[in-house]
Amino acid sequence: MNDDYISRKAFKEKYLCCGYIPEMAESELDSFPGTNVRPVVYSEWKTNSDRPDTLICSVCGSGYDMWKHDPHNFCPHCGADMRGEKV
């Protein structure tokens, strides 16, 4: 199960609009723990005709020697997700 992350500001705007008073104070909404989340960047491994044994990240262009390792699900350089775009 994947967690969905929303902004605290969007949450507050939704539940504090139109005079609706939630069961908790606004200060309690502000005290919910935050997390460091960034959008997922999707990419794919490309090959280079000059070096067919090297996979190249389509986002950052970093090379990865596929003969030494199994292809990763994530680029070890930029962290892009190589598993295909989420539908």
PDB file of N, CA and C in Angstrom:
ATOM      1  N   MET A   1       0.833  -1.172   0.000  1.00  0.00           N
ATOM      2  CA  MET A   1       0.000   0.000   0.000  1.00  0.00           C
ATOM      3  C   MET A   1       0.887   1.247   0.000  1.00  0.00           C
ATOM      4  N   ASN A   2       0.626   2.155  -0.919  1.00  0.00           N
ATOM      5  CA  ASN A   2       1.376   3.406  -0.986  1.00  0.00           C
ATOM      6  C   ASN A   2       0.658   4.483  -0.196  1.00  0.00           C
ATOM      7  N   ASP A   3       1.435   5.307   0.494  1.00  0.00           N
ATOM      8  CA  ASP A   3       0.869   6.445   1.195  1.00  0.00           C
ATOM      9  C   ASP A   3       0.712   7.597   0.222  1.00  0.00           C
ATOM     10  N   ASP A   4      -0.326   8.377   0.388  1.00  0.00           N
ATOM     11  CA  ASP A   4      -0.517   9.592  -0.385  1.00  0.00           C
ATOM     12  C   ASP A   4      -0.127  10.759   0.499  1.00  0.00           C
ATOM     13  N   TYR A   5       0.617  11.694  -0.053  1.00  0.00           N
ATOM     14  CA  TYR A   5       1.052  12.858   0.704  1.00  0.00           C
ATOM     15  C   TYR A   5       0.347  14.086   0.159  1.00  0.00           C
ATOM     16  N   ILE A   6      -0.148  14.917   1.049  1.00  0.00           N
ATOM     17  CA  ILE A   6      -0.781  16.172   0.668  1.00  0.00           C
ATOM     18  C   ILE A   6      -0.109  17.293   1.430  1.00  0.00           C
ATOM     19  N   SER A   7      -0.283  18.492   0.936  1.00  0.00           N
ATOM     20  CA  SER A   7       0.333  19.621   1.636  1.00  0.00           C
ATOM     21  C   SER A   7      -0.519  19.996   2.842  1.00  0.00           C
ATOM     22  N   ARG A   8       0.154  20.417   3.879  1.00  0.00           N
ATOM     23  CA  ARG A   8      -0.548  20.857   5.083  1.00  0.00           C
ATOM     24  C   ARG A   8      -1.436  22.054   4.759  1.00  0.00           C
ATOM     25  N   LYS A   9      -0.930  22.952   3.898  1.00  0.00           N
ATOM     26  CA  LYS A   9      -1.697  24.142   3.516  1.00  0.00           C
ATOM     27  C   LYS A   9      -3.002  23.739   2.819  1.00  0.00           C
ATOM     28  N   ALA A  10      -2.942  22.790   1.883  1.00  0.00           N
ATOM     29  CA  ALA A  10      -4.154  22.341   1.181  1.00  0.00           C
ATOM     30  C   ALA A  10      -5.132  21.695   2.152  1.00  0.00           C
ATOM     31  N   PHE A  11      -4.622  20.929   3.092  1.00  0.00           N
ATOM     32  CA  PHE A  11      -5.465  20.278   4.084  1.00  0.00           C
ATOM     33  C   PHE A  11      -6.209  21.319   4.928  1.00  0.00           C
ATOM     34  N   LYS A  12      -5.460  22.322   5.394  1.00  0.00           N
ATOM     35  CA  LYS A  12      -6.068  23.367   6.224  1.00  0.00           C
ATOM     36  C   LYS A  12      -7.104  24.162   5.440  1.00  0.00           C
ATOM     37  N   GLU A  13      -6.788  24.505   4.188  1.00  0.00           N
ATOM     38  CA  GLU A  13      -7.736  25.266   3.373  1.00  0.00           C
ATOM     39  C   GLU A  13      -9.034  24.496   3.188  1.00  0.00           C
ATOM     40  N   LYS A  14      -8.943  23.192   3.009  1.00  0.00           N
ATOM     41  CA  LYS A  14     -10.128  22.368   2.809  1.00  0.00           C
ATOM     42  C   LYS A  14     -10.987  22.320   4.069  1.00  0.00           C
ATOM     43  N   TYR A  15     -10.362  22.138   5.223  1.00  0.00           N
ATOM     44  CA  TYR A  15     -11.125  21.916   6.452  1.00  0.00           C
ATOM     45  C   TYR A  15     -11.393  23.167   7.270  1.00  0.00           C
ATOM     46  N   LEU A  16     -10.801  24.293   6.910  1.00  0.00           N
ATOM     47  CA  LEU A  16     -11.067  25.529   7.641  1.00  0.00           C
ATOM     48  C   LEU A  16     -11.874  26.527   6.808  1.00  0.00           C
ATOM     49  N   CYS A  17     -12.249  26.138   5.603  1.00  0.00           N
ATOM     50  CA  CYS A  17     -13.003  27.057   4.740  1.00  0.00           C
ATOM     51  C   CYS A  17     -14.464  27.147   5.166  1.00  0.00           C
ATOM     52  N   CYS A  18     -15.118  28.137   4.674  1.00  0.00           N
ATOM     53  CA  CYS A  18     -16.577  28.275   4.771  1.00  0.00           C
ATOM     54  C   CYS A  18     -17.114  28.252   6.199  1.00  0.00           C
ATOM     55  N   GLY A  19     -16.318  28.619   7.169  1.00  0.00           N
ATOM     56  CA  GLY A  19     -16.793  28.669   8.538  1.00  0.00           C
ATOM     57  C   GLY A  19     -16.917  27.311   9.207  1.00  0.00           C
ATOM     58  N   TYR A  20     -16.493  26.254   8.528  1.00  0.00           N
ATOM     59  CA  TYR A  20     -16.559  24.919   9.132  1.00  0.00           C
ATOM     60  C   TYR A  20     -15.529  24.832  10.244  1.00  0.00           C
ATOM     61  N   ILE A  21     -15.957  24.386  11.391  1.00  0.00           N
ATOM     62  CA  ILE A  21     -15.050  24.280  12.529  1.00  0.00           C
ATOM     63  C   ILE A  21     -14.791  22.792  12.792  1.00  0.00           C
ATOM     64  N   PRO A  22     -13.569  22.351  12.524  1.00  0.00           N
ATOM     65  CA  PRO A  22     -13.253  20.938  12.762  1.00  0.00           C
ATOM     66  C   PRO A  22     -13.208  20.631  14.248  1.00  0.00           C
ATOM     67  N   GLU A  23     -13.105  19.372  14.574  1.00  0.00           N
ATOM     68  CA  GLU A  23     -13.076  18.939  15.971  1.00  0.00           C
ATOM     69  C   GLU A  23     -11.749  19.236  16.655  1.00  0.00           C
ATOM     70  N   MET A  24     -10.831  19.819  15.927  1.00  0.00           N
ATOM     71  CA  MET A  24      -9.551  20.166  16.534  1.00  0.00           C
ATOM     72  C   MET A  24      -9.205  21.602  16.186  1.00  0.00           C
ATOM     73  N   ALA A  25      -8.379  22.195  17.002  1.00  0.00           N
ATOM     74  CA  ALA A  25      -7.972  23.583  16.793  1.00  0.00           C
ATOM     75  C   ALA A  25      -6.999  23.680  15.620  1.00  0.00           C
ATOM     76  N   GLU A  26      -6.933  24.877  15.034  1.00  0.00           N
ATOM     77  CA  GLU A  26      -6.007  25.097  13.921  1.00  0.00           C
ATOM     78  C   GLU A  26      -4.569  24.822  14.346  1.00  0.00           C
ATOM     79  N   SER A  27      -4.242  25.131  15.589  1.00  0.00           N
ATOM     80  CA  SER A  27      -2.880  24.876  16.075  1.00  0.00           C
ATOM     81  C   SER A  27      -2.568  23.380  16.079  1.00  0.00           C
ATOM     82  N   GLU A  28      -3.583  22.548  16.301  1.00  0.00           N
ATOM     83  CA  GLU A  28      -3.363  21.097  16.236  1.00  0.00           C
ATOM     84  C   GLU A  28      -3.082  20.652  14.806  1.00  0.00           C
ATOM     85  N   LEU A  29      -3.760  21.280  13.845  1.00  0.00           N
ATOM     86  CA  LEU A  29      -3.481  20.961  12.441  1.00  0.00           C
ATOM     87  C   LEU A  29      -2.030  21.297  12.105  1.00  0.00           C
ATOM     88  N   ASP A  30      -1.550  22.422  12.640  1.00  0.00           N
ATOM     89  CA  ASP A  30      -0.170  22.832  12.384  1.00  0.00           C
ATOM     90  C   ASP A  30       0.849  21.891  13.021  1.00  0.00           C
ATOM     91  N   SER A  31       0.434  21.151  14.039  1.00  0.00           N
ATOM     92  CA  SER A  31       1.383  20.291  14.748  1.00  0.00           C
ATOM     93  C   SER A  31       1.496  18.888  14.156  1.00  0.00           C
ATOM     94  N   PHE A  32       0.702  18.572  13.115  1.00  0.00           N
ATOM     95  CA  PHE A  32       0.844  17.259  12.486  1.00  0.00           C
ATOM     96  C   PHE A  32       2.263  17.113  11.954  1.00  0.00           C
ATOM     97  N   PRO A  33       2.861  15.938  12.104  1.00  0.00           N
ATOM     98  CA  PRO A  33       4.243  15.766  11.649  1.00  0.00           C
ATOM     99  C   PRO A  33       4.333  15.868  10.128  1.00  0.00           C
ATOM    100  N   GLY A  34       5.384  16.494   9.671  1.00  0.00           N
ATOM    101  CA  GLY A  34       5.638  16.608   8.244  1.00  0.00           C
ATOM    102  C   GLY A  34       6.682  15.592   7.814  1.00  0.00           C
ATOM    103  N   THR A  35       6.879  15.500   6.527  1.00  0.00           N
ATOM    104  CA  THR A  35       7.903  14.611   6.012  1.00  0.00           C
ATOM    105  C   THR A  35       8.544  15.251   4.795  1.00  0.00           C
ATOM    106  N   ASN A  36       9.731  14.823   4.469  1.00  0.00           N
ATOM    107  CA  ASN A  36      10.462  15.349   3.327  1.00  0.00           C
ATOM    108  C   ASN A  36      10.117  14.490   2.106  1.00  0.00           C
ATOM    109  N   VAL A  37       9.221  14.981   1.272  1.00  0.00           N
ATOM    110  CA  VAL A  37       8.734  14.224   0.128  1.00  0.00           C
ATOM    111  C   VAL A  37       8.988  15.028  -1.137  1.00  0.00           C
ATOM    112  N   ARG A  38       9.431  14.348  -2.175  1.00  0.00           N
ATOM    113  CA  ARG A  38       9.583  15.010  -3.465  1.00  0.00           C
ATOM    114  C   ARG A  38       8.886  14.179  -4.529  1.00  0.00           C
ATOM    115  N   PRO A  39       8.502  14.802  -5.634  1.00  0.00           N
ATOM    116  CA  PRO A  39       7.819  14.053  -6.694  1.00  0.00           C
ATOM    117  C   PRO A  39       8.706  12.954  -7.258  1.00  0.00           C
ATOM    118  N   VAL A  40       8.091  11.865  -7.665  1.00  0.00           N
ATOM    119  CA  VAL A  40       8.826  10.760  -8.276  1.00  0.00           C
ATOM    120  C   VAL A  40       9.152  11.129  -9.715  1.00  0.00           C
ATOM    121  N   VAL A  41      10.399  10.941 -10.101  1.00  0.00           N
ATOM    122  CA  VAL A  41      10.837  11.158 -11.478  1.00  0.00           C
ATOM    123  C   VAL A  41      10.986   9.792 -12.121  1.00  0.00           C
ATOM    124  N   TYR A  42      10.286   9.579 -13.232  1.00  0.00           N
ATOM    125  CA  TYR A  42      10.361   8.305 -13.943  1.00  0.00           C
ATOM    126  C   TYR A  42      11.358   8.417 -15.085  1.00  0.00           C
ATOM    127  N   SER A  43      12.079   7.340 -15.333  1.00  0.00           N
ATOM    128  CA  SER A  43      13.090   7.315 -16.370  1.00  0.00           C
ATOM    129  C   SER A  43      13.158   5.918 -16.970  1.00  0.00           C
ATOM    130  N   GLU A  44      14.089   5.713 -17.847  1.00  0.00           N
ATOM    131  CA  GLU A  44      14.325   4.379 -18.404  1.00  0.00           C
ATOM    132  C   GLU A  44      15.796   4.260 -18.757  1.00  0.00           C
ATOM    133  N   TRP A  45      16.264   3.023 -18.785  1.00  0.00           N
ATOM    134  CA  TRP A  45      17.641   2.772 -19.173  1.00  0.00           C
ATOM    135  C   TRP A  45      17.732   2.783 -20.688  1.00  0.00           C
ATOM    136  N   LYS A  46      18.680   3.521 -21.225  1.00  0.00           N
ATOM    137  CA  LYS A  46      18.962   3.583 -22.657  1.00  0.00           C
ATOM    138  C   LYS A  46      20.327   2.943 -22.895  1.00  0.00           C
ATOM    139  N   THR A  47      20.568   2.516 -24.116  1.00  0.00           N
ATOM    140  CA  THR A  47      21.896   2.004 -24.460  1.00  0.00           C
ATOM    141  C   THR A  47      22.565   2.971 -25.421  1.00  0.00           C
ATOM    142  N   ASN A  48      23.871   2.915 -25.448  1.00  0.00           N
ATOM    143  CA  ASN A  48      24.676   3.767 -26.304  1.00  0.00           C
ATOM    144  C   ASN A  48      25.391   2.866 -27.297  1.00  0.00           C
ATOM    145  N   SER A  49      25.324   3.182 -28.593  1.00  0.00           N
ATOM    146  CA  SER A  49      25.955   2.334 -29.600  1.00  0.00           C
ATOM    147  C   SER A  49      27.469   2.276 -29.425  1.00  0.00           C
ATOM    148  N   ASP A  50      28.064   3.321 -28.837  1.00  0.00           N
ATOM    149  CA  ASP A  50      29.509   3.314 -28.592  1.00  0.00           C
ATOM    150  C   ASP A  50      29.888   2.347 -27.470  1.00  0.00           C
ATOM    151  N   ARG A  51      29.001   2.190 -26.499  1.00  0.00           N
ATOM    152  CA  ARG A  51      29.270   1.306 -25.361  1.00  0.00           C
ATOM    153  C   ARG A  51      28.009   0.501 -25.066  1.00  0.00           C
ATOM    154  N   PRO A  52      27.738  -0.563 -25.838  1.00  0.00           N
ATOM    155  CA  PRO A  52      26.499  -1.326 -25.652  1.00  0.00           C
ATOM    156  C   PRO A  52      26.393  -2.041 -24.306  1.00  0.00           C
ATOM    157  N   ASP A  53      27.505  -2.139 -23.572  1.00  0.00           N
ATOM    158  CA  ASP A  53      27.479  -2.777 -22.259  1.00  0.00           C
ATOM    159  C   ASP A  53      27.138  -1.793 -21.142  1.00  0.00           C
ATOM    160  N   THR A  54      26.883  -0.538 -21.495  1.00  0.00           N
ATOM    161  CA  THR A  54      26.580   0.484 -20.503  1.00  0.00           C
ATOM    162  C   THR A  54      25.156   0.981 -20.688  1.00  0.00           C
ATOM    163  N   LEU A  55      24.418   0.987 -19.592  1.00  0.00           N
ATOM    164  CA  LEU A  55      23.071   1.555 -19.598  1.00  0.00           C
ATOM    165  C   LEU A  55      23.178   3.014 -19.198  1.00  0.00           C
ATOM    166  N   ILE A  56      22.340   3.865 -19.804  1.00  0.00           N
ATOM    167  CA  ILE A  56      22.384   5.295 -19.539  1.00  0.00           C
ATOM    168  C   ILE A  56      21.009   5.757 -19.083  1.00  0.00           C
ATOM    169  N   CYS A  57      20.979   6.495 -17.992  1.00  0.00           N
ATOM    170  CA  CYS A  57      19.730   7.046 -17.459  1.00  0.00           C
ATOM    171  C   CYS A  57      19.224   8.128 -18.402  1.00  0.00           C
ATOM    172  N   SER A  58      17.947   8.041 -18.799  1.00  0.00           N
ATOM    173  CA  SER A  58      17.397   9.027 -19.720  1.00  0.00           C
ATOM    174  C   SER A  58      17.134  10.377 -19.045  1.00  0.00           C
ATOM    175  N   VAL A  59      17.221  10.457 -17.717  1.00  0.00           N
ATOM    176  CA  VAL A  59      17.026  11.729 -17.020  1.00  0.00           C
ATOM    177  C   VAL A  59      18.357  12.449 -16.823  1.00  0.00           C
ATOM    178  N   CYS A  60      19.317  11.799 -16.183  1.00  0.00           N
ATOM    179  CA  CYS A  60      20.563  12.489 -15.841  1.00  0.00           C
ATOM    180  C   CYS A  60      21.718  12.184 -16.784  1.00  0.00           C
ATOM    181  N   GLY A  61      21.582  11.140 -17.609  1.00  0.00           N
ATOM    182  CA  GLY A  61      22.622  10.808 -18.576  1.00  0.00           C
ATOM    183  C   GLY A  61      23.807  10.066 -17.997  1.00  0.00           C
ATOM    184  N   SER A  62      23.725   9.661 -16.734  1.00  0.00           N
ATOM    185  CA  SER A  62      24.834   8.932 -16.121  1.00  0.00           C
ATOM    186  C   SER A  62      24.869   7.504 -16.629  1.00  0.00           C
ATOM    187  N   GLY A  63      26.080   6.989 -16.820  1.00  0.00           N
ATOM    188  CA  GLY A  63      26.260   5.627 -17.290  1.00  0.00           C
ATOM    189  C   GLY A  63      26.297   4.631 -16.155  1.00  0.00           C
ATOM    190  N   TYR A  64      25.974   3.411 -16.486  1.00  0.00           N
ATOM    191  CA  TYR A  64      25.886   2.330 -15.502  1.00  0.00           C
ATOM    192  C   TYR A  64      26.317   1.043 -16.195  1.00  0.00           C
ATOM    193  N   ASP A  65      27.391   0.411 -15.747  1.00  0.00           N
ATOM    194  CA  ASP A  65      27.932  -0.792 -16.378  1.00  0.00           C
ATOM    195  C   ASP A  65      27.074  -1.992 -16.028  1.00  0.00           C
ATOM    196  N   MET A  66      26.250  -2.432 -16.983  1.00  0.00           N
ATOM    197  CA  MET A  66      25.302  -3.510 -16.692  1.00  0.00           C
ATOM    198  C   MET A  66      25.953  -4.875 -16.587  1.00  0.00           C
ATOM    199  N   TRP A  67      27.186  -5.026 -17.029  1.00  0.00           N
ATOM    200  CA  TRP A  67      27.840  -6.338 -16.923  1.00  0.00           C
ATOM    201  C   TRP A  67      28.344  -6.591 -15.503  1.00  0.00           C
ATOM    202  N   LYS A  68      28.592  -5.549 -14.762  1.00  0.00           N
ATOM    203  CA  LYS A  68      29.069  -5.703 -13.392  1.00  0.00           C
ATOM    204  C   LYS A  68      27.921  -5.865 -12.411  1.00  0.00           C
ATOM    205  N   HIS A  69      26.748  -5.387 -12.765  1.00  0.00           N
ATOM    206  CA  HIS A  69      25.604  -5.361 -11.860  1.00  0.00           C
ATOM    207  C   HIS A  69      24.340  -5.717 -12.621  1.00  0.00           C
ATOM    208  N   ASP A  70      23.340  -6.122 -11.900  1.00  0.00           N
ATOM    209  CA  ASP A  70      22.017  -6.251 -12.495  1.00  0.00           C
ATOM    210  C   ASP A  70      21.427  -4.850 -12.607  1.00  0.00           C
ATOM    211  N   PRO A  71      20.634  -4.594 -13.653  1.00  0.00           N
ATOM    212  CA  PRO A  71      20.032  -3.262 -13.751  1.00  0.00           C
ATOM    213  C   PRO A  71      19.185  -2.942 -12.516  1.00  0.00           C
ATOM    214  N   HIS A  72      19.396  -1.766 -11.974  1.00  0.00           N
ATOM    215  CA  HIS A  72      18.664  -1.318 -10.786  1.00  0.00           C
ATOM    216  C   HIS A  72      17.266  -0.822 -11.156  1.00  0.00           C
ATOM    217  N   ASN A  73      16.369  -0.824 -10.184  1.00  0.00           N
ATOM    218  CA  ASN A  73      15.049  -0.224 -10.356  1.00  0.00           C
ATOM    219  C   ASN A  73      15.104   1.291 -10.215  1.00  0.00           C
ATOM    220  N   PHE A  74      16.235   1.806  -9.708  1.00  0.00           N
ATOM    221  CA  PHE A  74      16.418   3.243  -9.531  1.00  0.00           C
ATOM    222  C   PHE A  74      17.807   3.618 -10.006  1.00  0.00           C
ATOM    223  N   CYS A  75      17.939   4.791 -10.613  1.00  0.00           N
ATOM    224  CA  CYS A  75      19.256   5.265 -11.042  1.00  0.00           C
ATOM    225  C   CYS A  75      20.091   5.549  -9.793  1.00  0.00           C
ATOM    226  N   PRO A  76      21.295   4.985  -9.706  1.00  0.00           N
ATOM    227  CA  PRO A  76      22.115   5.229  -8.516  1.00  0.00           C
ATOM    228  C   PRO A  76      22.659   6.654  -8.442  1.00  0.00           C
ATOM    229  N   HIS A  77      22.530   7.414  -9.518  1.00  0.00           N
ATOM    230  CA  HIS A  77      23.059   8.784  -9.534  1.00  0.00           C
ATOM    231  C   HIS A  77      22.005   9.835  -9.192  1.00  0.00           C
ATOM    232  N   CYS A  78      20.814   9.747  -9.826  1.00  0.00           N
ATOM    233  CA  CYS A  78      19.798  10.787  -9.600  1.00  0.00           C
ATOM    234  C   CYS A  78      18.553  10.274  -8.876  1.00  0.00           C
ATOM    235  N   GLY A  79      18.432   8.960  -8.695  1.00  0.00           N
ATOM    236  CA  GLY A  79      17.298   8.393  -7.969  1.00  0.00           C
ATOM    237  C   GLY A  79      16.041   8.195  -8.794  1.00  0.00           C
ATOM    238  N   ALA A  80      16.110   8.402 -10.115  1.00  0.00           N
ATOM    239  CA  ALA A  80      14.926   8.235 -10.966  1.00  0.00           C
ATOM    240  C   ALA A  80      14.417   6.799 -10.899  1.00  0.00           C
ATOM    241  N   ASP A  81      13.105   6.642 -10.931  1.00  0.00           N
ATOM    242  CA  ASP A  81      12.451   5.330 -10.871  1.00  0.00           C
ATOM    243  C   ASP A  81      12.460   4.717 -12.266  1.00  0.00           C
ATOM    244  N   MET A  82      13.089   3.567 -12.414  1.00  0.00           N
ATOM    245  CA  MET A  82      13.244   2.904 -13.709  1.00  0.00           C
ATOM    246  C   MET A  82      12.200   1.815 -13.940  1.00  0.00           C
ATOM    247  N   ARG A  83      11.224   1.705 -13.072  1.00  0.00           N
ATOM    248  CA  ARG A  83      10.255   0.597 -13.169  1.00  0.00           C
ATOM    249  C   ARG A  83       9.101   0.891 -14.102  1.00  0.00           C
ATOM    250  N   GLY A  84       9.090   2.019 -14.765  1.00  0.00           N
ATOM    251  CA  GLY A  84       7.994   2.377 -15.651  1.00  0.00           C
ATOM    252  C   GLY A  84       7.057   3.340 -14.966  1.00  0.00           C
ATOM    253  N   GLU A  85       6.434   4.190 -15.747  1.00  0.00           N
ATOM    254  CA  GLU A  85       5.580   5.236 -15.174  1.00  0.00           C
ATOM    255  C   GLU A  85       4.356   4.625 -14.492  1.00  0.00           C
ATOM    256  N   LYS A  86       4.051   5.139 -13.311  1.00  0.00           N
ATOM    257  CA  LYS A  86       2.896   4.679 -12.543  1.00  0.00           C
ATOM    258  C   LYS A  86       1.623   5.056 -13.267  1.00  0.00           C
ATOM    259  N   VAL A  87       0.733   4.113 -13.406  1.00  0.00           N
ATOM    260  CA  VAL A  87      -0.531   4.357 -14.110  1.00  0.00           C
ATOM    261  C   VAL A  87      -1.601   4.750 -13.135  1.00  0.00           C
TER     262      VAL A  87
END
